[in-house]
Amino acid sequence: MAKAVGRTCWAIPEGYIPDRSHDAQDAHALVSHEAACILNTSDEDAHIALTLYFTDREPVGPYEFTVPARRTIHMRFNDLVTPEPVPRATGYASVFIASVPVVIQHTRLDSRQAELALLSTIAYSESQE
């Protein structure tokens, strides 16, 4: 049995997907994006519910997805479409609720200019007891 490390509630208060990319030949790899890198070390699948919060409108969600047991995924916010696509050039925050403890790291690739910028940080977490 694998030890479940992490927490069940994570928040990323800063979110922003640039609305353009600099000459991205590989349309997916170099397009400006944000991602949540999620690690599930437990023996159970992690069922995740993600809600997005905005400054000028009601939250959107939940976006639902699964991180299999003893696996990791890199979930791109750009790829989310249901219940609606994540807007570009719009600030947002995100809250993840997981069915088992997970660890979440946030990354952003900003490729609006030829000199790419990459940001990465660990999200804020709380236990849901």
Protein backbone atom coordinates (compact mmCIF):
# COMPACT_ATOMS: atom_id res chain seq x y z
CA MET A 1 0.00 0.00 0.00
CA ALA A 2 1.49 3.35 -1.06
CA LYS A 3 1.54 6.24 1.39
CA ALA A 4 -0.76 9.06 0.31
CA VAL A 5 1.19 12.31 0.53
CA GLY A 6 -0.33 15.74 0.12
CA ARG A 7 -3.66 17.33 0.89
CA THR A 8 -7.21 17.21 -0.43
CA CYS A 9 -7.74 20.97 -0.93
CA TRP A 10 -5.39 23.14 -3.00
CA ALA A 11 -5.65 26.76 -4.18
CA ILE A 12 -3.76 28.66 -6.86
CA PRO A 13 -4.69 32.34 -6.40
CA GLU A 14 -2.90 33.50 -9.55
CA GLY A 15 -3.98 32.33 -12.98
CA TYR A 16 -3.63 33.85 -16.44
CA ILE A 17 -3.31 32.29 -19.88
CA PRO A 18 -1.77 34.68 -22.41
CA ASP A 19 -3.93 35.15 -25.49
CA ARG A 20 -1.12 34.58 -27.99
CA SER A 21 2.13 32.74 -28.55
CA HIS A 22 5.28 33.68 -30.45
CA ASP A 23 5.53 31.71 -33.68
CA ALA A 24 4.72 28.38 -32.03
CA GLN A 25 5.68 25.85 -34.71
CA ASP A 26 4.58 23.00 -32.46
CA ALA A 27 1.06 24.17 -31.74
CA HIS A 28 0.80 22.29 -28.44
CA ALA A 29 4.30 22.22 -26.90
CA LEU A 30 5.16 25.91 -27.21
CA VAL A 31 1.76 27.55 -27.01
CA SER A 32 1.36 29.83 -23.96
CA HIS A 33 -0.35 27.80 -21.25
CA GLU A 34 -0.88 27.07 -17.58
CA ALA A 35 -0.74 23.61 -16.06
CA ALA A 36 -1.40 21.89 -12.77
CA CYS A 37 1.06 19.07 -12.19
CA ILE A 38 -0.74 16.64 -9.88
CA LEU A 39 0.93 13.76 -8.05
CA ASN A 40 -1.17 10.93 -6.58
CA THR A 41 0.94 8.52 -4.50
CA SER A 42 -2.01 6.64 -3.00
CA ASP A 43 -3.41 3.26 -4.01
CA GLU A 44 -6.73 4.91 -4.96
CA ASP A 45 -7.58 7.03 -7.98
CA ALA A 46 -7.83 10.74 -7.11
CA HIS A 47 -11.08 12.23 -8.35
CA ILE A 48 -10.54 15.97 -8.73
CA ALA A 49 -13.12 18.77 -8.87
CA LEU A 50 -11.69 22.11 -10.04
CA THR A 51 -13.48 25.45 -9.68
CA LEU A 52 -12.27 28.70 -11.27
CA TYR A 53 -12.88 32.12 -9.66
CA PHE A 54 -12.87 35.49 -11.44
CA THR A 55 -12.81 39.16 -10.42
CA ASP A 56 -15.92 40.16 -12.35
CA ARG A 57 -18.20 37.12 -12.67
CA GLU A 58 -19.42 34.02 -10.92
CA PRO A 59 -17.16 30.95 -10.54
CA VAL A 60 -17.09 28.23 -13.20
CA GLY A 61 -16.95 24.53 -12.43
CA PRO A 62 -16.55 21.95 -11.46
CA TYR A 63 -14.16 20.69 -14.09
CA GLU A 64 -13.78 17.00 -13.22
CA PHE A 65 -10.91 14.65 -13.98
CA THR A 66 -9.06 11.70 -12.44
CA VAL A 67 -5.43 11.12 -11.54
CA PRO A 68 -4.92 7.35 -11.44
CA ALA A 69 -3.43 5.68 -8.36
CA ARG A 70 0.36 5.98 -8.10
CA ARG A 71 0.51 8.32 -11.11
CA THR A 72 1.03 11.94 -12.07
CA ILE A 73 -0.61 14.11 -14.71
CA HIS A 74 0.11 17.53 -16.16
CA MET A 75 -3.35 19.00 -16.65
CA ARG A 76 -3.30 22.04 -18.94
CA PHE A 77 -5.91 24.67 -18.18
CA ASN A 78 -5.92 25.47 -21.93
CA ASP A 79 -7.30 21.97 -22.61
CA LEU A 80 -10.31 22.31 -20.28
CA VAL A 81 -13.57 22.69 -22.21
CA THR A 82 -16.39 21.45 -19.95
CA PRO A 83 -18.27 23.19 -18.42
CA GLU A 84 -16.64 25.95 -20.56
CA PRO A 85 -13.19 26.78 -21.96
CA VAL A 86 -10.88 28.75 -19.67
CA PRO A 87 -10.78 32.32 -21.01
CA ARG A 88 -7.51 33.74 -22.36
CA ALA A 89 -6.06 37.09 -21.24
CA THR A 90 -8.26 36.96 -18.12
CA GLY A 91 -7.11 36.68 -14.53
CA TYR A 92 -8.53 33.82 -12.48
CA ALA A 93 -7.86 31.70 -9.40
CA SER A 94 -8.44 27.99 -8.97
CA VAL A 95 -9.43 25.61 -6.18
CA PHE A 96 -8.90 21.85 -6.44
CA ILE A 97 -10.79 19.39 -4.21
CA ALA A 98 -9.44 15.82 -4.35
CA SER A 99 -10.95 12.59 -3.06
CA VAL A 100 -7.54 11.48 -1.69
CA PRO A 101 -4.45 13.50 -0.74
CA VAL A 102 -2.44 14.79 -3.73
CA VAL A 103 0.35 17.30 -4.34
CA ILE A 104 -0.18 20.12 -6.86
CA GLN A 105 2.42 22.29 -8.57
CA HIS A 106 1.41 25.19 -10.83
CA THR A 107 3.32 26.17 -13.97
CA ARG A 108 2.91 28.78 -16.70
CA LEU A 109 4.66 29.02 -20.04
CA ASP A 110 4.45 32.51 -21.52
CA SER A 111 5.58 32.35 -25.13
CA ARG A 112 4.28 35.73 -26.29
CA GLN A 113 7.84 36.68 -27.22
CA ALA A 114 10.77 34.67 -28.56
CA GLU A 115 12.44 34.63 -25.11
CA LEU A 116 10.12 32.20 -23.32
CA ALA A 117 9.19 32.72 -19.67
CA LEU A 118 8.41 29.81 -17.34
CA LEU A 119 6.92 30.22 -13.86
CA SER A 120 6.42 27.41 -11.37
CA THR A 121 5.24 27.26 -7.76
CA ILE A 122 3.63 24.88 -5.29
CA ALA A 123 -0.04 25.67 -4.68
CA TYR A 124 -1.43 26.52 -1.22
CA SER A 125 -3.01 23.54 0.55
CA GLU A 126 -5.32 22.79 3.46
CA SER A 127 -6.71 19.56 4.79
CA GLN A 128 -10.45 19.04 4.42
CA GLU A 129 -11.11 17.49 7.83
